[in-house]
N, C-alpha and C. Protein backbone atom coordinates (compact mmCIF):
# COMPACT_ATOMS: atom_id res chain seq x y z
N MET A 1 6.26 -20.58 -6.79
CA MET A 1 5.99 -19.24 -6.36
C MET A 1 7.25 -18.40 -6.52
N THR A 2 7.08 -17.16 -6.92
CA THR A 2 8.20 -16.26 -7.16
C THR A 2 8.27 -15.20 -6.07
N TYR A 3 9.49 -14.86 -5.69
CA TYR A 3 9.68 -13.85 -4.67
C TYR A 3 10.55 -12.73 -5.21
N CYS A 4 10.04 -11.51 -5.19
CA CYS A 4 10.79 -10.32 -5.56
C CYS A 4 10.48 -9.26 -4.51
N LEU A 5 11.52 -8.55 -4.08
CA LEU A 5 11.35 -7.60 -3.00
C LEU A 5 12.29 -6.42 -3.20
N ALA A 6 11.80 -5.23 -2.97
CA ALA A 6 12.63 -4.03 -2.98
C ALA A 6 12.37 -3.27 -1.69
N ILE A 7 13.44 -2.85 -1.02
CA ILE A 7 13.31 -2.15 0.26
C ILE A 7 14.12 -0.86 0.19
N ASN A 8 13.51 0.24 0.60
CA ASN A 8 14.19 1.53 0.68
C ASN A 8 14.63 1.72 2.13
N THR A 9 15.95 1.71 2.38
CA THR A 9 16.48 1.88 3.73
C THR A 9 17.20 3.22 3.82
N ASN A 10 17.61 3.59 5.02
CA ASN A 10 18.37 4.83 5.20
C ASN A 10 19.72 4.77 4.48
N GLU A 11 20.25 3.57 4.29
CA GLU A 11 21.55 3.39 3.65
C GLU A 11 21.45 3.32 2.13
N GLY A 12 20.27 3.05 1.59
CA GLY A 12 20.09 2.93 0.15
C GLY A 12 19.02 1.91 -0.18
N LEU A 13 19.00 1.47 -1.41
CA LEU A 13 18.00 0.51 -1.88
C LEU A 13 18.54 -0.91 -1.81
N VAL A 14 17.66 -1.85 -1.47
CA VAL A 14 18.01 -3.27 -1.43
C VAL A 14 17.03 -4.01 -2.33
N PHE A 15 17.54 -4.82 -3.25
CA PHE A 15 16.71 -5.60 -4.16
C PHE A 15 16.99 -7.08 -3.93
N CYS A 16 15.95 -7.90 -3.86
CA CYS A 16 16.10 -9.34 -3.65
C CYS A 16 15.12 -10.09 -4.55
N SER A 17 15.56 -11.26 -5.02
CA SER A 17 14.66 -12.12 -5.78
C SER A 17 15.18 -13.54 -5.73
N ASP A 18 14.28 -14.50 -5.94
CA ASP A 18 14.72 -15.88 -6.04
C ASP A 18 15.11 -16.15 -7.49
N SER A 19 15.61 -17.34 -7.76
CA SER A 19 16.05 -17.64 -9.13
C SER A 19 15.53 -18.99 -9.62
N ARG A 20 14.57 -19.55 -8.92
CA ARG A 20 14.08 -20.88 -9.30
C ARG A 20 12.90 -20.75 -10.26
N THR A 21 12.90 -21.55 -11.30
CA THR A 21 11.75 -21.64 -12.19
C THR A 21 11.26 -23.08 -12.16
N ASN A 22 9.99 -23.25 -12.36
CA ASN A 22 9.41 -24.58 -12.30
C ASN A 22 8.51 -24.78 -13.51
N ALA A 23 8.90 -25.72 -14.37
CA ALA A 23 8.11 -26.00 -15.57
C ALA A 23 7.45 -27.36 -15.47
N GLY A 24 7.12 -27.75 -14.28
CA GLY A 24 6.49 -29.05 -14.08
C GLY A 24 7.02 -29.71 -12.83
N PHE A 25 6.48 -30.86 -12.52
CA PHE A 25 6.81 -31.57 -11.30
C PHE A 25 8.30 -31.87 -11.16
N ASP A 26 8.94 -32.29 -12.23
CA ASP A 26 10.35 -32.71 -12.15
C ASP A 26 11.28 -31.87 -13.03
N ASN A 27 10.85 -30.68 -13.43
CA ASN A 27 11.67 -29.83 -14.29
C ASN A 27 11.90 -28.49 -13.60
N ILE A 28 12.86 -28.45 -12.67
CA ILE A 28 13.18 -27.23 -11.94
C ILE A 28 14.55 -26.75 -12.38
N SER A 29 14.65 -25.49 -12.76
CA SER A 29 15.92 -24.92 -13.18
C SER A 29 16.03 -23.52 -12.59
N THR A 30 17.10 -22.81 -12.93
CA THR A 30 17.28 -21.46 -12.40
C THR A 30 17.40 -20.45 -13.53
N TYR A 31 16.92 -19.26 -13.26
CA TYR A 31 17.02 -18.13 -14.18
C TYR A 31 16.91 -16.88 -13.33
N THR A 32 17.81 -15.94 -13.52
CA THR A 32 17.77 -14.74 -12.69
C THR A 32 16.50 -13.95 -12.94
N LYS A 33 15.89 -13.50 -11.87
CA LYS A 33 14.68 -12.69 -11.96
C LYS A 33 14.97 -11.24 -11.61
N MET A 34 16.27 -10.93 -11.42
CA MET A 34 16.68 -9.57 -11.15
C MET A 34 17.65 -9.14 -12.25
N HIS A 35 17.30 -8.09 -12.94
CA HIS A 35 18.11 -7.59 -14.05
C HIS A 35 18.45 -6.14 -13.77
N SER A 36 19.72 -5.79 -13.91
CA SER A 36 20.12 -4.41 -13.65
C SER A 36 20.71 -3.78 -14.91
N PHE A 37 20.39 -2.53 -15.08
CA PHE A 37 20.90 -1.72 -16.17
C PHE A 37 21.61 -0.54 -15.50
N VAL A 38 22.93 -0.44 -15.67
CA VAL A 38 23.70 0.55 -14.92
C VAL A 38 24.56 1.37 -15.87
N TRP A 39 24.48 2.68 -15.71
CA TRP A 39 25.36 3.62 -16.40
C TRP A 39 25.97 4.49 -15.31
N PRO A 40 27.22 4.19 -14.92
CA PRO A 40 27.85 4.91 -13.80
C PRO A 40 27.79 6.42 -13.98
N GLN A 41 27.57 7.10 -12.89
CA GLN A 41 27.48 8.56 -12.84
C GLN A 41 26.29 9.11 -13.61
N ASP A 42 25.37 8.25 -14.05
CA ASP A 42 24.21 8.72 -14.79
C ASP A 42 22.92 8.17 -14.19
N ARG A 43 22.70 6.86 -14.29
CA ARG A 43 21.47 6.27 -13.79
C ARG A 43 21.60 4.76 -13.67
N PHE A 44 20.66 4.19 -12.96
CA PHE A 44 20.56 2.73 -12.92
C PHE A 44 19.09 2.36 -12.83
N MET A 45 18.79 1.17 -13.28
CA MET A 45 17.44 0.64 -13.20
C MET A 45 17.54 -0.84 -12.85
N VAL A 46 16.72 -1.28 -11.93
CA VAL A 46 16.65 -2.69 -11.57
C VAL A 46 15.25 -3.18 -11.91
N LEU A 47 15.18 -4.27 -12.66
CA LEU A 47 13.91 -4.87 -13.02
C LEU A 47 13.79 -6.19 -12.28
N LEU A 48 12.77 -6.30 -11.42
CA LEU A 48 12.48 -7.55 -10.71
C LEU A 48 11.29 -8.19 -11.41
N ALA A 49 11.47 -9.41 -11.89
CA ALA A 49 10.44 -10.06 -12.69
C ALA A 49 9.78 -11.18 -11.91
N ALA A 50 8.47 -11.16 -11.89
CA ALA A 50 7.69 -12.24 -11.28
C ALA A 50 6.57 -12.57 -12.25
N GLY A 51 6.62 -13.73 -12.83
CA GLY A 51 5.57 -14.11 -13.77
C GLY A 51 6.12 -15.00 -14.87
N ASN A 52 5.54 -14.89 -16.02
CA ASN A 52 5.87 -15.76 -17.14
C ASN A 52 7.32 -15.56 -17.59
N LEU A 53 8.10 -16.65 -17.61
CA LEU A 53 9.51 -16.58 -17.96
C LEU A 53 9.71 -16.11 -19.40
N ALA A 54 8.90 -16.59 -20.33
CA ALA A 54 9.04 -16.19 -21.73
C ALA A 54 8.80 -14.69 -21.89
N THR A 55 7.83 -14.15 -21.18
CA THR A 55 7.56 -12.71 -21.24
C THR A 55 8.74 -11.93 -20.68
N THR A 56 9.27 -12.38 -19.55
CA THR A 56 10.44 -11.72 -18.94
C THR A 56 11.61 -11.70 -19.91
N GLN A 57 11.92 -12.85 -20.51
CA GLN A 57 13.04 -12.93 -21.44
C GLN A 57 12.81 -12.03 -22.65
N SER A 58 11.59 -11.94 -23.13
CA SER A 58 11.28 -11.10 -24.27
C SER A 58 11.46 -9.62 -23.94
N VAL A 59 11.00 -9.20 -22.77
CA VAL A 59 11.14 -7.80 -22.36
C VAL A 59 12.61 -7.43 -22.20
N ILE A 60 13.39 -8.27 -21.53
CA ILE A 60 14.82 -8.00 -21.32
C ILE A 60 15.54 -7.92 -22.67
N LYS A 61 15.23 -8.85 -23.56
CA LYS A 61 15.85 -8.84 -24.89
C LYS A 61 15.52 -7.55 -25.63
N ARG A 62 14.27 -7.11 -25.55
CA ARG A 62 13.84 -5.88 -26.24
C ARG A 62 14.52 -4.65 -25.65
N LEU A 63 14.59 -4.56 -24.32
CA LEU A 63 15.25 -3.42 -23.68
C LEU A 63 16.71 -3.34 -24.09
N ASN A 64 17.41 -4.48 -24.06
CA ASN A 64 18.83 -4.50 -24.46
C ASN A 64 19.00 -4.15 -25.93
N ALA A 65 18.12 -4.65 -26.79
CA ALA A 65 18.22 -4.36 -28.23
C ALA A 65 18.01 -2.87 -28.49
N ASP A 66 17.03 -2.26 -27.82
CA ASP A 66 16.78 -0.83 -28.00
C ASP A 66 17.99 0.00 -27.59
N ILE A 67 18.64 -0.40 -26.49
CA ILE A 67 19.83 0.31 -26.03
C ILE A 67 20.97 0.12 -27.03
N ASP A 68 21.20 -1.12 -27.46
CA ASP A 68 22.29 -1.42 -28.40
C ASP A 68 22.12 -0.68 -29.73
N LYS A 69 20.88 -0.54 -30.20
CA LYS A 69 20.61 0.13 -31.48
C LYS A 69 20.45 1.64 -31.32
N SER A 70 20.55 2.13 -30.08
CA SER A 70 20.38 3.56 -29.77
C SER A 70 19.03 4.09 -30.24
N LEU A 71 17.99 3.26 -30.15
CA LEU A 71 16.65 3.72 -30.50
C LEU A 71 16.21 4.76 -29.48
N GLN A 72 15.43 5.73 -29.92
CA GLN A 72 14.98 6.81 -29.05
C GLN A 72 13.47 6.71 -28.83
N PRO A 73 12.99 6.80 -27.61
CA PRO A 73 13.75 6.78 -26.37
C PRO A 73 14.10 5.36 -25.96
N ASN A 74 15.07 5.23 -25.06
CA ASN A 74 15.40 3.94 -24.45
C ASN A 74 15.73 4.19 -22.98
N LEU A 75 16.09 3.14 -22.25
CA LEU A 75 16.34 3.30 -20.81
C LEU A 75 17.44 4.31 -20.51
N ARG A 76 18.37 4.44 -21.43
CA ARG A 76 19.50 5.34 -21.19
C ARG A 76 19.16 6.79 -21.49
N THR A 77 18.17 7.02 -22.35
CA THR A 77 17.90 8.40 -22.79
C THR A 77 16.61 8.99 -22.23
N VAL A 78 15.72 8.17 -21.73
CA VAL A 78 14.44 8.69 -21.25
C VAL A 78 14.66 9.55 -20.01
N ALA A 79 13.90 10.64 -19.92
CA ALA A 79 14.07 11.58 -18.80
C ALA A 79 13.31 11.11 -17.59
């Protein structure tokens, strides 16, 4: 089971997630389920992933590639 949580407090935002993945009875490993994209003084985005690990990895790879190639729009340029 995956746990991801975001809380809006008076002090700011809090993001939490677990990092355990389970690919069977005896195959337990870790992979971060919280990914942050930060551009100081501009914007930030936190992606909390719960679900298929391959899909999560594919989405993160695509988001980073779009930013690196300066494709329009991307997380850094979208309004």
